[in-house]
Amino acid sequence: MRVEAIKIEGDQPASLTGLSGQDVLALVQSSFFTWIDIHLDSSSGPELHELLVDHLDFHPATVEDCLQEGSFHQPKIDEEQDYRFVTFIYYDHRKGVKLMARELNVYFSATYVITVHRHTCEELLAQIRRFPRVITDYEQRAVLFMHHVLDMVIDSFAPVLRDFSQLSDELEIAVLKAKRLKKLTGPLFRRPKDQLADMRGILKLRRSLVRLRRTLLEEEQIVDELVDEYDYDDAPDESKEIAIYFRDVSDHIGKYLEIIEGLESTMNHLMEVHALITSHRTNEIIYLLTIVSAIMLPLNLIVGFFGMNFDNLWLTHNWWGIWTVSLMMVGIVVMLFAFFRAKDWI
């Protein structure tokens, strides 16, 4: 378990590392604001329990939430006696549409913010460390730093949505593309596999968008709860200013939800277009096979008739019989082709 801290005493932040349980307790009990970050590893259970339960007197259920592996909780906020416990969900997105859920647990009170996480999130922590200096202008620095953490978590959705927007454009081009290039070294039936890959990509992206929308809606409820706490009738000016900060985060969530809604609408449209294109191509194949079958049917009838094993069958004992039958078959093909052309069927 790695414990780091940033203490703001006056206007000067100071970084602290290698902290013990007593050091963390002293920082929490201090009147100066402190941000403490705890990075867990596979063997951090006893240490974390001793630090948070024995030293800081946090509820054991919240510690269990921090220690659970293999399953992620939904975003939530729990209010205890003199602190709050919040669970944020964000996503690590590297390539394609695969989303890796990450959990950030936060304890915050009037003088401290403690973040607990199991996964390495250096990019997010780097953004959190660059907190705005306006925090030092307020007495409720912990609440404003909590807003900053929440703001960075919500902003982490922006690159994911940007990549999904680009992927949506690529899927749209792939679906609407009239001709597909076939690889000479590929399998014989490359086109149906390409069509299946397009639909699979659409469904994966749509499922990922649903996960993002559900998470943002739940985190929006947390933000709205914080706004309602600081924006009430006869609230002091400083409290209303804090509510403005949280409303800004709520606006960001609203914008991201609008982007997700637009992407979901695009995916639904692409699914309909993909179904129409697939149906049209299927009809083209059936149409072609029907024409070929209609031409071959009378030829099969002639070949079958003259292929019967009877001695007195017409033209079987004449040297010009094969030429007569062949000419008849060619004539039938020409007449059927002319008939289909006259009907504008081909």
Protein backbone atom coordinates (compact mmCIF):
# COMPACT_ATOMS: atom_id res chain seq x y z
CA MET A 1 0.00 0.00 0.00
CA ARG A 2 1.37 3.39 -1.01
CA VAL A 3 0.24 6.52 0.86
CA GLU A 4 0.94 10.02 -0.42
CA ALA A 5 -0.42 13.36 0.68
CA ILE A 6 -0.56 17.04 -0.26
CA LYS A 7 -1.02 19.41 2.66
CA ILE A 8 -2.09 23.01 2.09
CA GLU A 9 -0.95 25.13 4.98
CA GLY A 10 -1.79 28.71 4.17
CA ASP A 11 -1.24 29.14 0.43
CA GLN A 12 1.70 26.76 0.07
CA PRO A 13 1.02 23.09 -0.77
CA ALA A 14 3.51 20.54 0.51
CA SER A 15 3.90 16.97 -0.80
CA LEU A 16 4.35 14.16 1.72
CA THR A 17 5.27 10.51 1.05
CA GLY A 18 5.93 7.35 3.05
CA LEU A 19 3.30 8.17 5.67
CA SER A 20 2.47 5.88 8.59
CA GLY A 21 -0.92 5.44 10.21
CA GLN A 22 -0.09 7.96 12.92
CA ASP A 23 1.05 10.47 10.32
CA VAL A 24 -2.23 10.12 8.43
CA LEU A 25 -4.21 10.50 11.67
CA ALA A 26 -2.30 13.69 12.51
CA LEU A 27 -3.00 15.11 9.06
CA VAL A 28 -6.71 14.27 9.29
CA GLN A 29 -7.01 15.86 12.72
CA SER A 30 -5.12 18.94 11.59
CA SER A 31 -6.98 22.16 10.88
CA PHE A 32 -5.20 22.48 7.53
CA PHE A 33 -6.61 20.89 4.40
CA THR A 34 -4.92 17.66 3.28
CA TRP A 35 -5.43 15.40 0.29
CA ILE A 36 -4.31 11.83 0.99
CA ASP A 37 -4.05 9.31 -1.83
CA ILE A 38 -3.92 5.58 -1.05
CA HIS A 39 -2.95 3.12 -3.78
CA LEU A 40 -3.82 -0.46 -2.83
CA ASP A 41 -2.12 -3.65 -3.91
CA SER A 42 -3.08 -7.30 -3.51
CA SER A 43 -1.84 -7.47 0.11
CA SER A 44 -3.13 -4.13 1.38
CA GLY A 45 -6.22 -5.45 3.18
CA PRO A 46 -4.91 -5.60 6.77
CA GLU A 47 -2.97 -2.34 6.42
CA LEU A 48 -5.95 -0.47 5.00
CA HIS A 49 -8.28 -1.87 7.65
CA GLU A 50 -5.89 -0.81 10.39
CA LEU A 51 -5.45 2.66 8.92
CA LEU A 52 -9.08 3.50 8.10
CA VAL A 53 -10.92 1.59 10.84
CA ASP A 54 -8.53 1.56 13.80
CA HIS A 55 -6.84 4.95 13.32
CA LEU A 56 -9.44 7.06 11.46
CA ASP A 57 -12.57 5.32 12.81
CA PHE A 58 -14.21 4.93 9.39
CA HIS A 59 -17.10 2.53 8.98
CA PRO A 60 -15.90 -1.03 8.18
CA ALA A 61 -18.50 -1.38 5.40
CA THR A 62 -16.89 1.45 3.42
CA VAL A 63 -13.49 -0.17 3.86
CA GLU A 64 -14.89 -3.44 2.50
CA ASP A 65 -16.15 -1.52 -0.53
CA CYS A 66 -12.62 -0.26 -1.12
CA LEU A 67 -11.12 -3.74 -0.79
CA GLN A 68 -13.52 -5.73 -2.95
CA GLU A 69 -11.86 -6.98 -6.11
CA GLY A 70 -13.32 -8.34 -9.32
CA SER A 71 -16.60 -6.42 -9.10
CA PHE A 72 -17.36 -2.75 -9.36
CA HIS A 73 -19.97 -0.87 -7.38
CA GLN A 74 -22.29 1.70 -8.81
CA PRO A 75 -21.56 5.40 -8.15
CA LYS A 76 -22.96 6.32 -4.76
CA ILE A 77 -22.63 8.72 -1.84
CA ASP A 78 -23.01 7.71 1.82
CA GLU A 79 -23.16 10.19 4.67
CA GLU A 80 -21.62 9.16 7.98
CA GLN A 81 -21.25 11.13 11.22
CA ASP A 82 -18.52 13.60 10.30
CA TYR A 83 -17.49 12.52 6.79
CA ARG A 84 -18.88 11.27 3.51
CA PHE A 85 -17.96 8.27 1.43
CA VAL A 86 -18.33 8.55 -2.33
CA THR A 87 -17.69 5.96 -5.04
CA PHE A 88 -16.92 7.19 -8.53
CA ILE A 89 -16.71 5.04 -11.65
CA TYR A 90 -14.61 6.06 -14.62
CA TYR A 91 -13.33 4.13 -17.62
CA ASP A 92 -9.89 3.38 -18.94
CA HIS A 93 -10.11 3.33 -22.71
CA ARG A 94 -7.17 2.27 -24.83
CA LYS A 95 -8.25 0.93 -28.20
CA GLY A 96 -11.48 -0.03 -29.93
CA VAL A 97 -14.72 -0.05 -27.96
CA LYS A 98 -13.57 -2.07 -24.97
CA LEU A 99 -14.14 -0.22 -21.70
CA MET A 100 -12.25 -1.09 -18.54
CA ALA A 101 -14.14 0.15 -15.49
CA ARG A 102 -12.11 1.77 -12.75
CA GLU A 103 -13.28 2.64 -9.25
CA LEU A 104 -12.23 5.65 -7.19
CA ASN A 105 -13.41 5.76 -3.57
CA VAL A 106 -13.29 9.09 -1.74
CA TYR A 107 -13.62 10.03 1.92
CA PHE A 108 -14.06 13.73 2.49
CA SER A 109 -14.84 15.98 5.40
CA ALA A 110 -14.30 19.62 6.31
CA THR A 111 -10.50 19.38 6.39
CA TYR A 112 -9.45 16.40 4.28
CA VAL A 113 -10.06 14.38 1.13
CA ILE A 114 -8.86 10.76 1.02
CA THR A 115 -8.87 8.91 -2.30
CA VAL A 116 -8.54 5.10 -2.35
CA HIS A 117 -8.04 3.10 -5.55
CA ARG A 118 -6.81 -0.33 -6.57
CA HIS A 119 -5.75 0.45 -10.13
CA THR A 120 -2.93 2.60 -11.36
CA CYS A 121 -4.49 5.86 -12.50
CA GLU A 122 -1.50 8.14 -12.96
CA GLU A 123 -3.19 10.18 -15.70
CA LEU A 124 -6.17 10.95 -13.47
CA LEU A 125 -3.97 11.62 -10.43
CA ALA A 126 -1.77 13.95 -12.47
CA GLN A 127 -4.86 15.97 -13.35
CA ILE A 128 -6.00 16.00 -9.73
CA ARG A 129 -2.60 17.22 -8.54
CA ARG A 130 -2.95 20.27 -10.78
CA PHE A 131 -5.76 21.64 -8.65
CA PRO A 132 -6.82 25.26 -9.17
CA ARG A 133 -5.23 27.78 -6.84
CA VAL A 134 -8.64 29.33 -6.20
CA ILE A 135 -9.12 26.58 -3.61
CA THR A 136 -6.79 28.46 -1.27
CA ASP A 137 -9.16 31.46 -1.35
CA TYR A 138 -11.95 29.59 0.44
CA GLU A 139 -12.30 28.24 3.93
CA GLN A 140 -14.12 25.11 2.72
CA ARG A 141 -11.14 23.87 0.78
CA ALA A 142 -12.06 20.19 1.15
CA VAL A 143 -15.42 20.68 -0.58
CA LEU A 144 -13.83 22.59 -3.45
CA PHE A 145 -11.12 19.96 -3.79
CA MET A 146 -13.88 17.35 -3.84
CA HIS A 147 -15.44 19.30 -6.70
CA HIS A 148 -12.07 19.26 -8.44
CA VAL A 149 -11.79 15.46 -8.08
CA LEU A 150 -15.31 15.00 -9.38
CA ASP A 151 -14.63 17.38 -12.25
CA MET A 152 -11.53 15.42 -13.29
CA VAL A 153 -13.44 12.12 -13.10
CA ILE A 154 -16.22 13.47 -15.32
CA ASP A 155 -13.73 15.05 -17.75
CA SER A 156 -12.08 11.63 -18.16
CA PHE A 157 -15.16 10.67 -20.21
CA ALA A 158 -14.27 13.25 -22.88
CA PRO A 159 -11.45 11.32 -24.63
CA VAL A 160 -13.57 8.16 -24.54
CA LEU A 161 -16.47 9.91 -26.26
CA ARG A 162 -14.10 11.54 -28.74
CA ASP A 163 -12.72 8.13 -29.75
CA PHE A 164 -16.22 6.69 -29.92
CA SER A 165 -17.30 9.53 -32.20
CA GLN A 166 -14.41 8.78 -34.54
CA LEU A 167 -15.22 5.07 -34.44
CA SER A 168 -18.85 5.87 -35.21
CA ASP A 169 -17.79 7.75 -38.35
CA GLU A 170 -15.60 4.82 -39.40
CA LEU A 171 -18.48 2.37 -38.92
CA GLU A 172 -20.79 4.63 -40.90
CA ILE A 173 -18.33 4.73 -43.81
CA ALA A 174 -17.86 0.96 -43.65
CA VAL A 175 -21.61 0.31 -43.69
CA LEU A 176 -22.41 2.76 -46.46
CA LYS A 177 -19.43 1.83 -48.62
CA ALA A 178 -20.76 0.49 -51.90
CA LYS A 179 -17.83 -1.75 -52.82
CA ARG A 180 -15.55 -3.67 -50.54
CA LEU A 181 -12.00 -4.64 -51.39
CA LYS A 182 -11.34 -8.35 -51.25
CA LYS A 183 -7.99 -9.67 -50.14
CA LEU A 184 -6.50 -12.11 -52.62
CA THR A 185 -5.04 -14.14 -49.77
CA GLY A 186 -8.24 -14.11 -47.75
CA PRO A 187 -10.98 -16.74 -47.64
CA LEU A 188 -13.41 -17.14 -50.50
CA PHE A 189 -16.42 -15.67 -48.70
CA ARG A 190 -14.84 -12.45 -47.41
CA ARG A 191 -17.83 -10.16 -47.91
CA PRO A 192 -20.30 -11.84 -45.53
CA LYS A 193 -17.63 -11.82 -42.81
CA ASP A 194 -17.06 -8.10 -43.38
CA GLN A 195 -20.78 -7.44 -43.02
CA LEU A 196 -20.87 -9.47 -39.82
CA ALA A 197 -17.87 -7.54 -38.47
CA ASP A 198 -19.66 -4.24 -39.13
CA MET A 199 -22.74 -5.33 -37.20
CA ARG A 200 -20.60 -6.70 -34.38
CA GLY A 201 -18.76 -3.38 -34.14
CA ILE A 202 -22.06 -1.47 -34.05
CA LEU A 203 -23.44 -3.66 -31.26
CA LYS A 204 -20.24 -3.38 -29.20
CA LEU A 205 -20.18 0.40 -29.50
CA ARG A 206 -23.88 0.62 -28.65
CA ARG A 207 -23.37 -1.54 -25.55
CA SER A 208 -20.43 0.62 -24.43
CA LEU A 209 -22.51 3.77 -24.89
CA VAL A 210 -25.23 2.30 -22.69
CA ARG A 211 -22.63 1.67 -19.95
CA LEU A 212 -21.33 5.22 -20.18
CA ARG A 213 -24.82 6.72 -20.08
CA ARG A 214 -25.83 4.64 -17.05
CA THR A 215 -22.68 5.65 -15.15
CA LEU A 216 -23.04 9.34 -15.98
CA LEU A 217 -26.70 9.37 -14.92
CA GLU A 218 -25.81 7.85 -11.55
CA GLU A 219 -22.96 10.29 -11.03
CA GLU A 220 -25.27 13.13 -12.03
CA GLN A 221 -27.44 12.18 -9.05
CA ILE A 222 -24.42 12.58 -6.75
CA VAL A 223 -23.70 16.03 -8.19
CA ASP A 224 -27.35 17.10 -7.88
CA GLU A 225 -27.34 16.00 -4.24
CA LEU A 226 -24.27 18.14 -3.56
CA VAL A 227 -25.83 21.11 -5.37
CA ASP A 228 -29.00 20.83 -3.29
CA GLU A 229 -26.94 20.74 -0.09
CA TYR A 230 -25.13 24.02 -0.80
CA ASP A 231 -27.85 25.88 -2.70
CA TYR A 232 -30.86 26.36 -0.44
CA ASP A 233 -32.99 29.19 0.84
CA ASP A 234 -31.08 31.72 2.93
CA ALA A 235 -27.78 29.99 2.13
CA PRO A 236 -24.66 32.14 2.69
CA ASP A 237 -22.90 33.56 -0.34
CA GLU A 238 -19.91 31.25 0.00
CA SER A 239 -22.20 28.22 0.03
CA LYS A 240 -23.98 29.41 -3.12
CA GLU A 241 -20.62 29.96 -4.82
CA ILE A 242 -19.69 26.35 -4.04
CA ALA A 243 -23.00 25.21 -5.53
CA ILE A 244 -22.06 27.04 -8.74
CA TYR A 245 -18.93 24.89 -9.02
CA PHE A 246 -20.95 21.68 -8.74
CA ARG A 247 -23.50 23.01 -11.26
CA ASP A 248 -20.64 23.38 -13.71
CA VAL A 249 -19.90 19.68 -13.33
CA SER A 250 -23.59 18.94 -13.84
CA ASP A 251 -23.47 20.94 -17.09
CA HIS A 252 -20.53 18.85 -18.28
CA ILE A 253 -22.45 15.67 -17.55
CA GLY A 254 -25.42 17.03 -19.48
CA LYS A 255 -23.24 17.75 -22.51
CA TYR A 256 -21.70 14.29 -22.41
CA LEU A 257 -25.15 12.73 -22.15
CA GLU A 258 -26.24 14.67 -25.22
CA ILE A 259 -23.19 13.35 -27.12
CA ILE A 260 -24.01 9.80 -26.02
CA GLU A 261 -27.63 10.23 -27.05
CA GLY A 262 -26.52 11.42 -30.48
CA LEU A 263 -24.11 8.49 -30.86
CA GLU A 264 -26.79 6.02 -29.80
CA SER A 265 -29.16 7.52 -32.37
CA THR A 266 -26.44 7.15 -35.00
CA MET A 267 -25.87 3.51 -34.03
CA ASN A 268 -29.60 2.76 -34.23
CA HIS A 269 -29.70 4.40 -37.66
CA LEU A 270 -26.66 2.40 -38.79
CA MET A 271 -28.30 -0.82 -37.63
CA GLU A 272 -31.35 -0.03 -39.74
CA VAL A 273 -29.22 0.91 -42.74
CA HIS A 274 -27.09 -2.21 -42.29
CA ALA A 275 -30.25 -4.36 -42.22
CA LEU A 276 -31.58 -2.66 -45.37
CA ILE A 277 -28.27 -3.07 -47.23
CA THR A 278 -28.00 -6.72 -46.17
CA SER A 279 -31.59 -7.35 -47.23
CA HIS A 280 -30.98 -5.64 -50.57
CA ARG A 281 -27.87 -7.73 -51.23
CA THR A 282 -29.76 -10.87 -50.27
CA ASN A 283 -32.52 -9.94 -52.71
CA GLU A 284 -29.95 -9.39 -55.43
CA ILE A 285 -28.50 -12.84 -54.86
CA ILE A 286 -31.93 -14.50 -54.83
CA TYR A 287 -32.89 -12.53 -57.94
CA LEU A 288 -29.78 -13.72 -59.80
CA LEU A 289 -30.29 -17.32 -58.71
CA THR A 290 -33.93 -17.16 -59.79
CA ILE A 291 -32.97 -15.96 -63.27
CA VAL A 292 -30.36 -18.72 -63.61
CA SER A 293 -32.82 -21.32 -62.35
CA ALA A 294 -35.50 -20.14 -64.79
CA ILE A 295 -33.07 -20.49 -67.70
CA MET A 296 -31.70 -23.86 -66.59
CA LEU A 297 -35.07 -25.44 -65.84
CA PRO A 298 -36.12 -26.13 -69.47
CA LEU A 299 -32.57 -27.24 -70.28
CA ASN A 300 -32.70 -29.75 -67.48
CA LEU A 301 -36.04 -30.96 -68.77
CA ILE A 302 -34.63 -31.53 -72.29
CA VAL A 303 -31.47 -33.24 -71.02
CA GLY A 304 -33.54 -35.41 -68.70
CA PHE A 305 -35.96 -36.39 -71.43
CA PHE A 306 -33.30 -37.40 -73.94
CA GLY A 307 -31.27 -39.07 -71.23
CA MET A 308 -33.86 -41.80 -70.74
CA ASN A 309 -32.70 -45.34 -71.60
CA PHE A 310 -35.21 -46.20 -74.39
CA ASP A 311 -34.24 -47.54 -77.83
CA ASN A 312 -37.07 -45.86 -79.71
CA LEU A 313 -36.39 -42.37 -78.30
CA TRP A 314 -36.47 -39.55 -80.88
CA LEU A 315 -33.19 -38.53 -82.55
CA THR A 316 -31.16 -41.05 -80.57
CA HIS A 317 -30.06 -43.08 -83.65
CA ASN A 318 -29.39 -40.12 -85.99
CA TRP A 319 -25.95 -38.57 -86.33
CA TRP A 320 -27.45 -35.08 -86.42
CA GLY A 321 -29.55 -35.65 -83.27
CA ILE A 322 -27.05 -34.13 -80.86
CA TRP A 323 -26.79 -30.99 -83.00
CA THR A 324 -30.57 -30.66 -83.18
CA VAL A 325 -30.97 -30.93 -79.42
CA SER A 326 -28.07 -28.54 -78.79
CA LEU A 327 -29.54 -26.00 -81.20
CA MET A 328 -32.89 -26.35 -79.46
CA MET A 329 -31.33 -25.67 -76.07
CA VAL A 330 -29.46 -22.60 -77.36
CA GLY A 331 -32.66 -21.31 -78.92
CA ILE A 332 -34.57 -21.72 -75.64
CA VAL A 333 -31.84 -19.81 -73.75
CA VAL A 334 -31.92 -16.97 -76.31
CA MET A 335 -35.72 -16.77 -76.21
CA LEU A 336 -35.84 -16.73 -72.42
CA PHE A 337 -33.14 -14.07 -72.26
CA ALA A 338 -35.04 -11.94 -74.80
CA PHE A 339 -38.27 -12.42 -72.86
CA PHE A 340 -36.67 -11.36 -69.56
CA ARG A 341 -35.14 -8.30 -71.24
CA ALA A 342 -38.51 -7.36 -72.75
CA LYS A 343 -40.05 -7.51 -69.27
CA ASP A 344 -37.16 -5.48 -67.80
CA TRP A 345 -36.41 -8.29 -65.40
CA ILE A 346 -32.72 -8.28 -66.23
